N, C-alpha and C. Protein backbone atom coordinates (compact mmCIF):
# COMPACT_ATOMS: atom_id res chain seq x y z
N MET A 1 51.05 -19.01 -24.42
CA MET A 1 50.41 -18.25 -23.12
C MET A 1 51.58 -17.44 -22.77
N ASN A 2 52.00 -16.15 -22.92
CA ASN A 2 53.00 -15.72 -22.98
C ASN A 2 52.95 -14.15 -21.36
N ASN A 3 53.57 -13.58 -20.97
CA ASN A 3 53.57 -12.93 -19.55
C ASN A 3 52.63 -11.69 -19.77
N ASN A 4 51.92 -11.58 -20.90
CA ASN A 4 50.85 -10.43 -21.12
C ASN A 4 49.36 -10.85 -20.94
N ASN A 5 49.56 -12.03 -21.12
CA ASN A 5 47.90 -13.02 -20.67
C ASN A 5 48.42 -14.11 -19.82
N SER A 6 49.44 -14.09 -18.91
CA SER A 6 49.87 -15.92 -18.59
C SER A 6 48.52 -15.68 -17.33
N LEU A 7 48.25 -16.72 -16.83
CA LEU A 7 47.33 -17.34 -15.45
C LEU A 7 48.07 -17.52 -14.37
N LEU A 8 47.68 -16.18 -13.00
CA LEU A 8 48.54 -16.64 -12.09
C LEU A 8 47.29 -16.77 -10.38
N ILE A 9 48.26 -18.08 -10.58
CA ILE A 9 47.28 -19.38 -10.01
C ILE A 9 47.83 -18.99 -8.14
N ALA A 10 46.56 -18.52 -7.70
CA ALA A 10 46.64 -18.54 -6.17
C ALA A 10 47.23 -17.11 -5.40
N ASN A 11 47.50 -15.69 -6.69
CA ASN A 11 48.38 -14.89 -5.88
C ASN A 11 49.93 -15.24 -6.03
N GLN A 12 50.31 -16.35 -6.99
CA GLN A 12 51.50 -16.76 -6.72
C GLN A 12 52.35 -17.10 -7.38
N TRP A 13 51.58 -18.16 -7.87
CA TRP A 13 52.68 -19.10 -9.31
C TRP A 13 51.55 -18.71 -10.19
N GLN A 14 52.97 -17.56 -11.83
CA GLN A 14 52.38 -17.38 -12.93
C GLN A 14 52.97 -18.51 -13.82
N LEU A 15 51.68 -18.97 -14.57
CA LEU A 15 52.26 -19.74 -15.69
C LEU A 15 53.32 -18.94 -16.84
N GLU A 16 53.90 -19.79 -17.46
CA GLU A 16 54.27 -19.09 -18.59
C GLU A 16 54.51 -20.42 -19.54
N ARG A 17 54.56 -21.33 -19.72
CA ARG A 17 54.27 -21.86 -20.79
C ARG A 17 53.92 -24.04 -20.51
N LYS A 18 52.78 -24.63 -21.64
CA LYS A 18 52.39 -25.41 -21.42
C LYS A 18 53.74 -26.16 -21.31
N LEU A 19 53.75 -27.83 -20.75
CA LEU A 19 55.45 -28.68 -21.07
C LEU A 19 54.56 -29.41 -21.39
N GLY A 20 53.72 -30.19 -21.56
CA GLY A 20 52.98 -31.40 -21.55
C GLY A 20 50.86 -31.96 -21.00
N SER A 21 50.70 -32.61 -21.61
CA SER A 21 49.59 -33.47 -21.17
C SER A 21 49.43 -34.56 -21.18
N GLY A 22 48.62 -34.73 -20.40
CA GLY A 22 48.36 -36.35 -20.29
C GLY A 22 46.42 -36.75 -20.18
N SER A 23 46.59 -38.09 -19.72
CA SER A 23 45.01 -38.61 -19.01
C SER A 23 44.53 -37.64 -18.07
N PHE A 24 45.13 -37.08 -17.41
CA PHE A 24 44.37 -36.71 -15.95
C PHE A 24 45.18 -35.09 -16.12
N GLY A 25 45.73 -34.36 -16.94
CA GLY A 25 45.21 -33.28 -16.89
C GLY A 25 47.22 -32.10 -17.55
N ASP A 26 47.19 -31.13 -17.61
CA ASP A 26 48.08 -30.20 -18.16
C ASP A 26 49.04 -29.98 -17.20
N VAL A 27 50.56 -29.91 -17.62
CA VAL A 27 51.34 -29.45 -16.56
C VAL A 27 52.13 -28.08 -17.44
N TYR A 28 52.65 -27.27 -16.27
CA TYR A 28 52.98 -26.02 -16.86
C TYR A 28 53.98 -25.73 -16.09
N ARG A 29 55.14 -25.11 -16.72
CA ARG A 29 56.22 -24.25 -15.95
C ARG A 29 55.51 -23.18 -15.34
N ALA A 30 55.63 -23.03 -13.98
CA ALA A 30 55.37 -21.04 -13.82
C ALA A 30 56.04 -20.75 -12.99
N LEU A 31 56.62 -19.61 -12.51
CA LEU A 31 57.73 -19.15 -12.02
C LEU A 31 56.72 -18.41 -10.53
N ASN A 32 57.76 -18.69 -9.14
CA ASN A 32 56.73 -18.12 -8.26
C ASN A 32 57.25 -17.08 -7.73
N THR A 33 55.58 -16.38 -8.11
CA THR A 33 56.35 -15.00 -8.10
C THR A 33 57.09 -14.00 -6.94
N GLN A 34 56.88 -14.44 -5.46
CA GLN A 34 57.28 -14.32 -4.34
C GLN A 34 58.62 -14.68 -3.92
N THR A 35 58.91 -15.81 -4.45
CA THR A 35 60.75 -16.37 -4.33
C THR A 35 60.99 -16.37 -5.94
N GLY A 36 60.89 -16.35 -7.20
CA GLY A 36 61.50 -16.22 -8.33
C GLY A 36 62.47 -17.31 -8.88
N GLU A 37 61.19 -19.01 -7.89
CA GLU A 37 61.58 -20.38 -7.70
C GLU A 37 60.94 -20.83 -9.36
N TYR A 38 61.26 -21.83 -10.14
CA TYR A 38 60.52 -22.32 -11.08
C TYR A 38 59.76 -23.89 -10.49
N VAL A 39 58.86 -23.51 -10.99
CA VAL A 39 58.42 -24.70 -10.01
C VAL A 39 57.17 -25.64 -11.87
N ALA A 40 56.26 -26.33 -11.81
CA ALA A 40 55.48 -27.45 -12.72
C ALA A 40 54.63 -27.78 -11.66
N ILE A 41 53.55 -27.23 -12.68
CA ILE A 41 52.03 -27.25 -11.46
C ILE A 41 51.33 -27.70 -12.80
N LYS A 42 50.37 -28.38 -12.16
CA LYS A 42 49.63 -29.68 -13.15
C LYS A 42 48.01 -29.27 -12.74
N LEU A 43 47.65 -29.25 -13.91
CA LEU A 43 46.52 -28.40 -13.28
C LEU A 43 45.02 -29.26 -14.59
N GLU A 44 43.89 -29.99 -13.83
CA GLU A 44 43.24 -30.29 -14.00
C GLU A 44 41.51 -29.94 -14.21
N ALA A 45 40.92 -30.33 -14.66
CA ALA A 45 39.91 -29.73 -15.27
C ALA A 45 38.77 -30.05 -14.83
N ASN A 46 37.78 -29.00 -13.70
CA ASN A 46 36.94 -29.09 -12.62
C ASN A 46 36.04 -30.57 -12.82
N ASN A 47 35.32 -30.07 -14.13
CA ASN A 47 34.31 -31.52 -14.74
C ASN A 47 34.56 -32.61 -14.67
N THR A 48 36.29 -32.77 -14.56
CA THR A 48 36.92 -34.19 -14.98
C THR A 48 35.88 -35.19 -14.31
N TYR A 49 36.10 -36.58 -14.41
CA TYR A 49 34.80 -37.69 -14.12
C TYR A 49 35.76 -38.03 -12.63
N SER A 50 36.91 -38.69 -13.03
CA SER A 50 37.26 -38.86 -11.83
C SER A 50 38.35 -37.73 -11.29
N GLN A 51 38.87 -37.53 -9.96
CA GLN A 51 39.52 -36.46 -9.74
C GLN A 51 41.44 -36.87 -9.11
N GLN A 52 41.39 -36.87 -9.98
CA GLN A 52 42.83 -37.80 -10.08
C GLN A 52 44.46 -36.86 -10.03
N LEU A 53 44.09 -34.87 -9.74
CA LEU A 53 44.82 -34.54 -8.48
C LEU A 53 44.02 -34.70 -7.16
N ALA A 54 43.15 -34.67 -6.94
CA ALA A 54 43.13 -35.03 -5.19
C ALA A 54 43.66 -36.01 -4.59
N PHE A 55 43.43 -36.90 -5.34
CA PHE A 55 44.60 -38.44 -5.27
C PHE A 55 45.99 -38.44 -5.06
N GLU A 56 46.41 -37.96 -6.17
CA GLU A 56 47.55 -37.87 -6.04
C GLU A 56 48.83 -36.85 -5.07
N ALA A 57 48.09 -36.19 -4.91
CA ALA A 57 48.49 -34.54 -3.99
C ALA A 57 48.12 -35.30 -2.70
N LYS A 58 47.46 -36.29 -2.27
CA LYS A 58 46.82 -37.05 -1.35
C LYS A 58 48.63 -38.05 -1.07
N LEU A 59 48.99 -38.66 -1.84
CA LEU A 59 50.20 -39.57 -1.97
C LEU A 59 51.69 -38.78 -1.58
N TYR A 60 51.59 -37.49 -2.14
CA TYR A 60 52.47 -36.71 -2.34
C TYR A 60 52.16 -36.19 -0.50
N ARG A 61 51.42 -36.16 -0.47
CA ARG A 61 52.16 -35.60 1.02
C ARG A 61 52.20 -36.79 2.16
N LEU A 62 51.66 -38.30 1.89
CA LEU A 62 52.25 -39.08 2.35
C LEU A 62 53.88 -39.74 2.42
N MET A 63 53.88 -38.78 1.12
CA MET A 63 55.48 -39.64 0.91
C MET A 63 56.18 -38.40 0.64
N LYS A 64 56.20 -37.69 1.46
CA LYS A 64 56.55 -36.44 1.64
C LYS A 64 58.13 -36.39 2.37
N GLY A 65 58.86 -36.04 2.16
CA GLY A 65 60.36 -36.41 1.98
C GLY A 65 61.28 -36.95 1.80
N ILE A 66 60.77 -38.39 0.82
CA ILE A 66 60.64 -39.59 0.07
C ILE A 66 61.54 -38.93 -0.99
N GLN A 67 63.07 -39.78 -1.15
CA GLN A 67 64.24 -39.19 -2.69
C GLN A 67 63.25 -39.47 -3.97
N GLY A 68 63.24 -38.93 -4.70
CA GLY A 68 62.63 -39.04 -6.06
C GLY A 68 60.80 -38.46 -5.72
N ILE A 69 60.35 -38.38 -4.95
CA ILE A 69 58.90 -38.18 -5.09
C ILE A 69 58.54 -36.74 -5.22
N PRO A 70 58.37 -36.00 -6.00
CA PRO A 70 57.56 -34.34 -6.35
C PRO A 70 57.61 -33.72 -4.80
N LYS A 71 58.16 -32.68 -4.79
CA LYS A 71 57.82 -31.84 -3.76
C LYS A 71 56.56 -31.26 -4.24
N LEU A 72 55.03 -31.40 -2.88
CA LEU A 72 54.19 -30.86 -3.58
C LEU A 72 54.41 -29.68 -2.75
N PHE A 73 53.21 -28.35 -3.55
CA PHE A 73 53.27 -26.43 -2.79
C PHE A 73 52.62 -26.73 -2.06
N TRP A 74 51.51 -26.91 -2.96
CA TRP A 74 49.86 -26.24 -2.58
C TRP A 74 48.87 -27.54 -3.35
N TYR A 75 48.22 -27.56 -2.83
CA TYR A 75 46.81 -27.94 -2.96
C TYR A 75 45.59 -27.32 -2.52
N ASP A 76 44.55 -27.41 -3.76
CA ASP A 76 42.99 -26.40 -3.81
C ASP A 76 42.07 -27.65 -4.57
């Protein structure tokens, strides 16, 4: 994926390249187009049997502020 055809998530994060993948989705490096900050974004297919990202986002919200827990910027 290059900058000429990269995907923009929520009009804010521009996907740059795939960092890895696993059982529940793919992880991409992305640029926050408003702040210039780089983040990691995990994407999951809409037709996934087990919506793992919803559960993961809930856990991140519950554990917000604990050292070593990733910061959740946005989930929809």
